[in-house]
């Protein structure tokens, strides 16, 4: 982007949300945007960005007009209050939309973290003061009570042929992942990162 085009972009009062989000995804995928340590953004993270974009598109389609990002840098007191109200309303409305689709606190928080990352990217690229506009209530986490299996329960889950025959294909896969996780003490996210070169076959 040339200097004149960049200057015009920085002077805009608002811009469309989703086209800028698409540029953010493309920059992350191609390596133009990188992690703070200089490494490329991993494919799994880009997939999360795409999932967030999909939900934003569905949400935006239900609004009377497309989502926009206020971008003016110099604000009067009244403009600052209107901008704060704008993002408070967005956070409340989008949260209600996500909870209405059956998502829980952890996933809703992860979606808002993607949006916050996107806003920091815009602030870095264009100087738009949007990096810290999302209210703190957007980032909540669920408290899960740990569940543990006794040795007899684990053996039953491992060897109960009657139970195995009743399971669907998806349930069988879930059971296998759960058993391997119990045996190795690895989380699901860690198991999915395992590659062949991470496995040591003993003689």
Protein backbone atom coordinates (compact mmCIF):
# COMPACT_ATOMS: atom_id res chain seq x y z
CA UNK A 1 0.00 0.00 0.00
CA UNK A 2 1.44 3.37 -1.04
CA UNK A 3 1.96 6.24 1.38
CA UNK A 4 -0.95 8.27 -0.03
CA UNK A 5 -3.33 5.28 0.13
CA UNK A 6 -2.20 4.48 3.67
CA UNK A 7 -2.74 8.12 4.71
CA UNK A 8 -6.26 8.14 3.22
CA UNK A 9 -7.01 4.89 5.05
CA UNK A 10 -5.81 6.33 8.35
CA UNK A 11 -8.02 9.41 7.86
CA UNK A 12 -11.25 7.42 7.35
CA UNK A 13 -13.97 7.70 9.97
CA UNK A 14 -14.95 4.03 9.68
CA UNK A 15 -14.27 0.96 7.57
CA UNK A 16 -16.00 -2.35 6.89
CA UNK A 17 -15.19 -5.04 9.49
CA UNK A 18 -15.13 -8.28 7.48
CA UNK A 19 -12.90 -7.14 4.56
CA UNK A 20 -10.28 -6.00 7.07
CA UNK A 21 -10.63 -9.30 8.91
CA UNK A 22 -10.04 -11.14 5.62
CA UNK A 23 -6.81 -9.16 5.13
CA UNK A 24 -5.80 -10.08 8.69
CA UNK A 25 -6.32 -13.79 7.94
CA UNK A 26 -4.40 -13.56 4.65
CA UNK A 27 -1.50 -11.73 6.32
CA UNK A 28 -1.37 -14.42 9.03
CA UNK A 29 -1.51 -17.27 6.52
CA UNK A 30 1.11 -15.91 4.13
CA UNK A 31 3.60 -14.94 6.83
CA UNK A 32 3.33 -11.16 6.44
CA UNK A 33 1.97 -11.13 9.98
CA UNK A 34 4.00 -13.16 12.46
CA UNK A 35 4.04 -14.05 16.12
CA UNK A 36 5.99 -11.81 18.54
CA UNK A 37 8.90 -14.29 18.48
CA UNK A 38 9.19 -13.99 14.68
CA UNK A 39 7.77 -17.41 13.86
CA UNK A 40 4.91 -17.87 11.42
CA UNK A 41 1.37 -18.24 12.69
CA UNK A 42 0.54 -21.96 12.73
CA UNK A 43 -2.16 -23.47 10.51
CA UNK A 44 -4.34 -24.34 13.52
CA UNK A 45 -4.42 -20.71 14.61
CA UNK A 46 -5.39 -19.59 11.10
CA UNK A 47 -8.21 -22.15 11.20
CA UNK A 48 -9.41 -20.57 14.45
CA UNK A 49 -9.36 -17.18 12.72
CA UNK A 50 -11.50 -18.59 9.90
CA UNK A 51 -13.99 -20.04 12.39
CA UNK A 52 -14.23 -16.65 14.07
CA UNK A 53 -14.75 -15.00 10.69
CA UNK A 54 -17.53 -17.46 9.85
CA UNK A 55 -19.38 -16.61 13.07
CA UNK A 56 -18.90 -12.89 12.50
CA UNK A 57 -20.33 -13.23 8.99
CA UNK A 58 -23.44 -15.03 10.30
CA UNK A 59 -23.85 -12.42 13.03
CA UNK A 60 -23.33 -9.53 10.61
CA UNK A 61 -25.92 -11.00 8.24
CA UNK A 62 -28.56 -10.57 10.95
CA UNK A 63 -27.82 -6.87 11.44
CA UNK A 64 -29.62 -4.05 9.60
CA UNK A 65 -26.26 -2.88 8.20
CA UNK A 66 -22.79 -4.50 7.95
CA UNK A 67 -20.35 -4.36 10.83
CA UNK A 68 -18.01 -1.38 10.77
CA UNK A 69 -14.90 -0.34 12.67
CA UNK A 70 -14.75 3.31 13.79
CA UNK A 71 -11.24 4.42 12.85
CA UNK A 72 -10.87 8.16 13.58
CA UNK A 73 -7.82 8.84 15.74
CA UNK A 74 -8.68 12.25 17.24
CA UNK A 75 -11.87 12.11 19.28
CA UNK A 76 -13.93 14.67 21.10
CA UNK A 77 -15.39 13.69 24.48
CA UNK A 78 -18.74 12.96 22.85
CA UNK A 79 -17.14 10.83 20.12
CA UNK A 80 -15.19 8.86 22.72
CA UNK A 81 -18.38 8.09 24.63
CA UNK A 82 -20.17 7.03 21.44
CA UNK A 83 -17.29 4.77 20.48
CA UNK A 84 -17.22 3.15 23.92
CA UNK A 85 -20.99 2.62 23.71
CA UNK A 86 -20.56 1.15 20.21
CA UNK A 87 -18.12 -1.53 21.39
CA UNK A 88 -20.06 -2.25 24.58
CA UNK A 89 -23.17 -2.89 22.49
CA UNK A 90 -21.21 -5.04 20.05
CA UNK A 91 -19.70 -7.14 22.87
CA UNK A 92 -23.09 -7.67 24.53
CA UNK A 93 -24.92 -8.44 21.28
CA UNK A 94 -22.23 -10.74 19.86
CA UNK A 95 -21.92 -12.58 23.20
CA UNK A 96 -25.68 -13.18 23.24
CA UNK A 97 -25.45 -14.46 19.67
CA UNK A 98 -22.68 -16.94 20.56
CA UNK A 99 -24.38 -18.18 23.73
CA UNK A 100 -27.60 -18.51 21.75
CA UNK A 101 -25.82 -20.92 19.41
CA UNK A 102 -24.90 -23.15 22.35
CA UNK A 103 -21.29 -22.11 22.92
CA UNK A 104 -19.85 -21.87 26.44
CA UNK A 105 -17.65 -19.36 28.23
CA UNK A 106 -14.29 -20.79 27.17
CA UNK A 107 -15.16 -20.85 23.47
CA UNK A 108 -16.83 -17.43 23.57
CA UNK A 109 -13.71 -16.02 25.27
CA UNK A 110 -11.49 -17.61 22.61
CA UNK A 111 -13.54 -15.91 19.87
CA UNK A 112 -13.20 -12.52 21.54
CA UNK A 113 -9.45 -13.11 21.98
CA UNK A 114 -9.19 -13.57 18.21
CA UNK A 115 -11.07 -10.29 17.70
CA UNK A 116 -8.79 -8.55 20.20
CA UNK A 117 -5.75 -9.89 18.32
CA UNK A 118 -7.28 -8.54 15.10
CA UNK A 119 -7.79 -5.12 16.70
CA UNK A 120 -4.18 -5.02 17.90
CA UNK A 121 -3.14 -5.80 14.32
CA UNK A 122 -5.21 -2.86 13.02
CA UNK A 123 -3.74 -0.56 15.64
CA UNK A 124 -0.22 -1.62 14.68
CA UNK A 125 -0.82 -1.28 10.92
CA UNK A 126 -2.96 1.86 10.74
CA UNK A 127 -2.76 3.52 14.14
CA UNK A 128 -6.49 3.10 14.77
CA UNK A 129 -7.10 3.22 18.55
CA UNK A 130 -9.01 -0.07 18.75
CA UNK A 131 -6.52 -2.33 20.55
CA UNK A 132 -8.20 -2.10 23.98
CA UNK A 133 -11.82 -1.34 23.16
CA UNK A 134 -13.38 -4.67 24.11
CA UNK A 135 -14.75 -4.73 27.69
CA UNK A 136 -13.19 -7.12 30.19
CA UNK A 137 -16.42 -9.09 30.56
CA UNK A 138 -15.79 -10.57 27.10
CA UNK A 139 -12.98 -12.71 28.49
CA UNK A 140 -14.40 -15.24 30.91
CA UNK A 141 -13.40 -18.79 31.62
CA UNK A 142 -15.32 -21.74 32.97
CA UNK A 143 -14.30 -23.54 36.13
CA UNK A 144 -14.36 -27.26 35.46
CA UNK A 145 -14.47 -29.79 38.27
CA UNK A 146 -11.82 -32.42 37.50
CA UNK A 147 -13.16 -35.93 36.94
CA UNK A 148 -11.05 -38.98 37.63
CA UNK A 149 -11.55 -42.66 36.88
CA UNK A 150 -10.72 -45.48 39.21
CA UNK A 151 -8.54 -48.32 37.90
CA UNK A 152 -11.60 -50.59 37.61
CA UNK A 153 -13.54 -47.94 35.66
CA UNK A 154 -10.64 -47.47 33.27
CA UNK A 155 -10.30 -51.23 32.71
CA UNK A 156 -14.04 -51.44 32.04
CA UNK A 157 -13.86 -48.64 29.48
CA UNK A 158 -10.87 -50.35 27.88
CA UNK A 159 -12.18 -53.92 27.75
CA UNK A 160 -16.00 -53.77 27.81
CA UNK A 161 -16.83 -55.31 24.40
CA UNK A 162 -20.59 -54.88 24.91
CA UNK A 163 -20.12 -51.13 25.37
CA UNK A 164 -17.77 -50.88 22.39
CA UNK A 165 -20.30 -52.56 20.09
CA UNK A 166 -23.00 -50.05 21.06
CA UNK A 167 -20.85 -47.01 20.21
CA UNK A 168 -21.19 -45.07 16.98
CA UNK A 169 -18.12 -44.32 14.88
CA UNK A 170 -17.74 -40.84 16.38
CA UNK A 171 -18.20 -42.19 19.90
CA UNK A 172 -15.58 -44.87 19.24
CA UNK A 173 -13.09 -42.22 18.12
CA UNK A 174 -13.89 -40.13 21.21
CA UNK A 175 -13.38 -43.21 23.41
CA UNK A 176 -10.01 -43.97 21.78
CA UNK A 177 -8.82 -40.38 22.24
CA UNK A 178 -9.97 -40.40 25.87
CA UNK A 179 -8.21 -43.69 26.61
CA UNK A 180 -4.94 -42.56 25.03
CA UNK A 181 -5.19 -39.29 26.94
CA UNK A 182 -5.70 -41.15 30.22
CA UNK A 183 -2.78 -43.49 29.52
CA UNK A 184 -0.37 -40.73 28.47
CA UNK A 185 -1.69 -37.83 30.60
CA UNK A 186 -1.79 -35.66 27.47
CA UNK A 187 -4.55 -33.18 26.68
CA UNK A 188 -6.51 -33.50 23.45
CA UNK A 189 -4.76 -30.44 21.98
CA UNK A 190 -1.38 -32.05 22.77
CA UNK A 191 -2.43 -35.40 21.26
CA UNK A 192 -3.40 -33.73 17.99
CA UNK A 193 0.09 -32.19 17.78
CA UNK A 194 1.81 -35.59 17.98
CA UNK A 195 3.61 -36.63 14.78
CA UNK A 196 5.25 -39.91 13.75
CA UNK A 197 8.71 -38.59 14.62
CA UNK A 198 7.48 -37.96 18.21
CA UNK A 199 6.70 -41.67 18.70
CA UNK A 200 9.46 -43.99 19.90
CA UNK A 201 8.89 -47.68 19.15
CA UNK A 202 10.64 -49.89 21.68
CA UNK A 203 12.04 -53.26 20.53
